[in-house]
Amino acid sequence: MDNTNILNWKKDIEEAIKNRGFESLHYVLFDEEKRLPWAFHLYQKNGKFYVEGRDERSYIIGHSREYRKFDDAKHELLKKLELVIESNRLKKQLGEPTEYPSPLWNE
């Protein structure tokens, strides 16, 4: 795995996240082992890209989605982050606990 590519991919995703105002969301880029609760992970392994959600214990929720192209994996990650916002806003409206605090649903 080429570190230059990883740095460029991380920069690309972080810029997209910042442009959308998603900085407070839990996500992990290119670190399969990091244990951040309720995070979405995007990483590369064996030449493929993976996107997966993790629960409060950092166990994988469901299954990992596999992609051959970085742009497809990036799109999936951003879509998942948008769904987290919608889901936690709904939980807030229903008086249920949210996964973690964020100004995106605690306003």
C-alpha atoms as a PDB file:
ATOM      1  CA  MET A   1       0.000   0.000   0.000  1.00  0.00           C
ATOM      2  CA  ASP A   2       1.453   3.349  -1.069  1.00  0.00           C
ATOM      3  CA  ASN A   3       1.490   5.924   1.756  1.00  0.00           C
ATOM      4  CA  THR A   4       1.287   8.785  -0.749  1.00  0.00           C
ATOM      5  CA  ASN A   5      -1.989   7.413  -2.093  1.00  0.00           C
ATOM      6  CA  ILE A   6      -3.370   6.975   1.416  1.00  0.00           C
ATOM      7  CA  LEU A   7      -2.461  10.551   2.347  1.00  0.00           C
ATOM      8  CA  ASN A   8      -4.132  11.858  -0.816  1.00  0.00           C
ATOM      9  CA  TRP A   9      -7.258   9.747  -0.248  1.00  0.00           C
ATOM     10  CA  LYS A  10      -7.472  10.870   3.392  1.00  0.00           C
ATOM     11  CA  LYS A  11      -7.108  14.502   2.355  1.00  0.00           C
ATOM     12  CA  ASP A  12      -9.850  14.073  -0.264  1.00  0.00           C
ATOM     13  CA  ILE A  13     -12.291  12.505   2.215  1.00  0.00           C
ATOM     14  CA  GLU A  14     -11.483  14.947   5.016  1.00  0.00           C
ATOM     15  CA  GLU A  15     -12.100  17.854   2.646  1.00  0.00           C
ATOM     16  CA  ALA A  16     -15.484  16.398   1.629  1.00  0.00           C
ATOM     17  CA  ILE A  17     -16.387  15.857   5.294  1.00  0.00           C
ATOM     18  CA  LYS A  18     -15.383  19.421   6.187  1.00  0.00           C
ATOM     19  CA  ASN A  19     -17.341  20.872   3.241  1.00  0.00           C
ATOM     20  CA  ARG A  20     -20.457  19.069   4.496  1.00  0.00           C
ATOM     21  CA  GLY A  21     -19.896  20.120   8.132  1.00  0.00           C
ATOM     22  CA  PHE A  22     -19.557  16.485   9.257  1.00  0.00           C
ATOM     23  CA  GLU A  23     -16.403  16.937  11.369  1.00  0.00           C
ATOM     24  CA  SER A  24     -18.179  16.006  14.619  1.00  0.00           C
ATOM     25  CA  LEU A  25     -19.194  12.580  13.295  1.00  0.00           C
ATOM     26  CA  HIS A  26     -17.311   9.429  14.252  1.00  0.00           C
ATOM     27  CA  TYR A  27     -15.294   8.062  11.351  1.00  0.00           C
ATOM     28  CA  VAL A  28     -11.928   6.355  10.898  1.00  0.00           C
ATOM     29  CA  LEU A  29      -9.851   6.541   7.735  1.00  0.00           C
ATOM     30  CA  PHE A  30      -7.353   3.857   6.717  1.00  0.00           C
ATOM     31  CA  ASP A  31      -6.926   2.364  10.206  1.00  0.00           C
ATOM     32  CA  GLU A  32      -8.777  -0.930  10.384  1.00  0.00           C
ATOM     33  CA  GLU A  33      -7.708  -1.540  13.999  1.00  0.00           C
ATOM     34  CA  LYS A  34      -8.778   1.758  15.627  1.00  0.00           C
ATOM     35  CA  ARG A  35     -11.569   1.233  18.148  1.00  0.00           C
ATOM     36  CA  LEU A  36     -13.773   4.339  18.040  1.00  0.00           C
ATOM     37  CA  PRO A  37     -17.363   3.596  19.132  1.00  0.00           C
ATOM     38  CA  TRP A  38     -20.143   4.191  16.592  1.00  0.00           C
ATOM     39  CA  ALA A  39     -17.659   4.996  13.838  1.00  0.00           C
ATOM     40  CA  PHE A  40     -17.748   4.288  10.144  1.00  0.00           C
ATOM     41  CA  HIS A  41     -14.453   2.965   8.846  1.00  0.00           C
ATOM     42  CA  LEU A  42     -12.983   3.245   5.368  1.00  0.00           C
ATOM     43  CA  TYR A  43      -9.790   1.308   4.771  1.00  0.00           C
ATOM     44  CA  GLN A  44      -7.874  -0.536   2.079  1.00  0.00           C
ATOM     45  CA  LYS A  45      -6.864  -4.181   2.265  1.00  0.00           C
ATOM     46  CA  ASN A  46      -5.522  -6.473  -0.458  1.00  0.00           C
ATOM     47  CA  GLY A  47      -6.092  -3.829  -3.137  1.00  0.00           C
ATOM     48  CA  LYS A  48      -9.768  -3.293  -2.265  1.00  0.00           C
ATOM     49  CA  PHE A  49     -11.539  -0.617  -0.252  1.00  0.00           C
ATOM     50  CA  TYR A  50     -13.895  -1.449   2.602  1.00  0.00           C
ATOM     51  CA  VAL A  51     -16.576   0.583   4.359  1.00  0.00           C
ATOM     52  CA  GLU A  52     -18.111  -0.694   7.572  1.00  0.00           C
ATOM     53  CA  GLY A  53     -20.008   0.572  10.582  1.00  0.00           C
ATOM     54  CA  ARG A  54     -19.029  -0.239  14.148  1.00  0.00           C
ATOM     55  CA  ASP A  55     -21.137  -0.335  17.311  1.00  0.00           C
ATOM     56  CA  GLU A  56     -20.451   1.033  20.805  1.00  0.00           C
ATOM     57  CA  ARG A  57     -17.900  -1.776  21.410  1.00  0.00           C
ATOM     58  CA  SER A  58     -16.372  -1.204  17.966  1.00  0.00           C
ATOM     59  CA  TYR A  59     -17.728  -4.514  16.627  1.00  0.00           C
ATOM     60  CA  ILE A  60     -18.690  -4.533  12.955  1.00  0.00           C
ATOM     61  CA  ILE A  61     -22.402  -3.945  12.371  1.00  0.00           C
ATOM     62  CA  GLY A  62     -23.704  -6.115   9.558  1.00  0.00           C
ATOM     63  CA  HIS A  63     -21.009  -6.745   6.990  1.00  0.00           C
ATOM     64  CA  SER A  64     -18.248  -4.778   5.331  1.00  0.00           C
ATOM     65  CA  ARG A  65     -19.021  -3.307   1.911  1.00  0.00           C
ATOM     66  CA  GLU A  66     -16.243  -3.973  -0.585  1.00  0.00           C
ATOM     67  CA  TYR A  67     -15.225  -1.684  -3.465  1.00  0.00           C
ATOM     68  CA  ARG A  68     -12.604  -1.803  -6.183  1.00  0.00           C
ATOM     69  CA  LYS A  69     -12.537   1.989  -6.676  1.00  0.00           C
ATOM     70  CA  PHE A  70     -11.732   4.629  -4.080  1.00  0.00           C
ATOM     71  CA  ASP A  71     -14.443   7.012  -5.319  1.00  0.00           C
ATOM     72  CA  ASP A  72     -17.129   4.360  -4.818  1.00  0.00           C
ATOM     73  CA  ALA A  73     -15.968   3.708  -1.250  1.00  0.00           C
ATOM     74  CA  LYS A  74     -15.791   7.443  -0.527  1.00  0.00           C
ATOM     75  CA  HIS A  75     -19.343   7.915  -1.815  1.00  0.00           C
ATOM     76  CA  GLU A  76     -20.567   5.054   0.396  1.00  0.00           C
ATOM     77  CA  LEU A  77     -18.855   6.499   3.483  1.00  0.00           C
ATOM     78  CA  LEU A  78     -20.388   9.945   2.935  1.00  0.00           C
ATOM     79  CA  LYS A  79     -23.812   8.375   2.362  1.00  0.00           C
ATOM     80  CA  LYS A  80     -23.486   6.414   5.624  1.00  0.00           C
ATOM     81  CA  LEU A  81     -22.522   9.579   7.516  1.00  0.00           C
ATOM     82  CA  GLU A  82     -25.608  11.349   6.140  1.00  0.00           C
ATOM     83  CA  LEU A  83     -27.760   8.449   7.357  1.00  0.00           C
ATOM     84  CA  VAL A  84     -26.210   8.689  10.841  1.00  0.00           C
ATOM     85  CA  ILE A  85     -27.318  12.312  11.014  1.00  0.00           C
ATOM     86  CA  GLU A  86     -30.870  11.473   9.908  1.00  0.00           C
ATOM     87  CA  SER A  87     -31.094   8.527  12.297  1.00  0.00           C
ATOM     88  CA  ASN A  88     -29.873  10.463  15.330  1.00  0.00           C
ATOM     89  CA  ARG A  89     -32.112  13.442  14.551  1.00  0.00           C
ATOM     90  CA  LEU A  90     -35.070  11.066  14.500  1.00  0.00           C
ATOM     91  CA  LYS A  91     -33.952   9.477  17.787  1.00  0.00           C
ATOM     92  CA  LYS A  92     -33.723  12.957  19.304  1.00  0.00           C
ATOM     93  CA  GLN A  93     -37.256  13.837  18.114  1.00  0.00           C
ATOM     94  CA  LEU A  94     -38.618  10.595  19.579  1.00  0.00           C
ATOM     95  CA  GLY A  95     -36.897  11.226  22.914  1.00  0.00           C
ATOM     96  CA  GLU A  96     -34.550   8.266  22.496  1.00  0.00           C
ATOM     97  CA  PRO A  97     -30.829   8.401  23.300  1.00  0.00           C
ATOM     98  CA  THR A  98     -28.502   9.230  20.417  1.00  0.00           C
ATOM     99  CA  GLU A  99     -25.386   7.211  19.642  1.00  0.00           C
ATOM    100  CA  TYR A 100     -23.091  10.037  20.776  1.00  0.00           C
ATOM    101  CA  PRO A 101     -23.308  13.836  21.102  1.00  0.00           C
ATOM    102  CA  SER A 102     -22.965  15.953  17.966  1.00  0.00           C
ATOM    103  CA  PRO A 103     -24.059  19.502  17.139  1.00  0.00           C
ATOM    104  CA  LEU A 104     -25.591  18.027  13.973  1.00  0.00           C
ATOM    105  CA  TRP A 105     -28.486  16.622  16.033  1.00  0.00           C
ATOM    106  CA  ASN A 106     -28.103  18.289  19.435  1.00  0.00           C
ATOM    107  CA  GLU A 107     -29.095  21.751  18.162  1.00  0.00           C
END
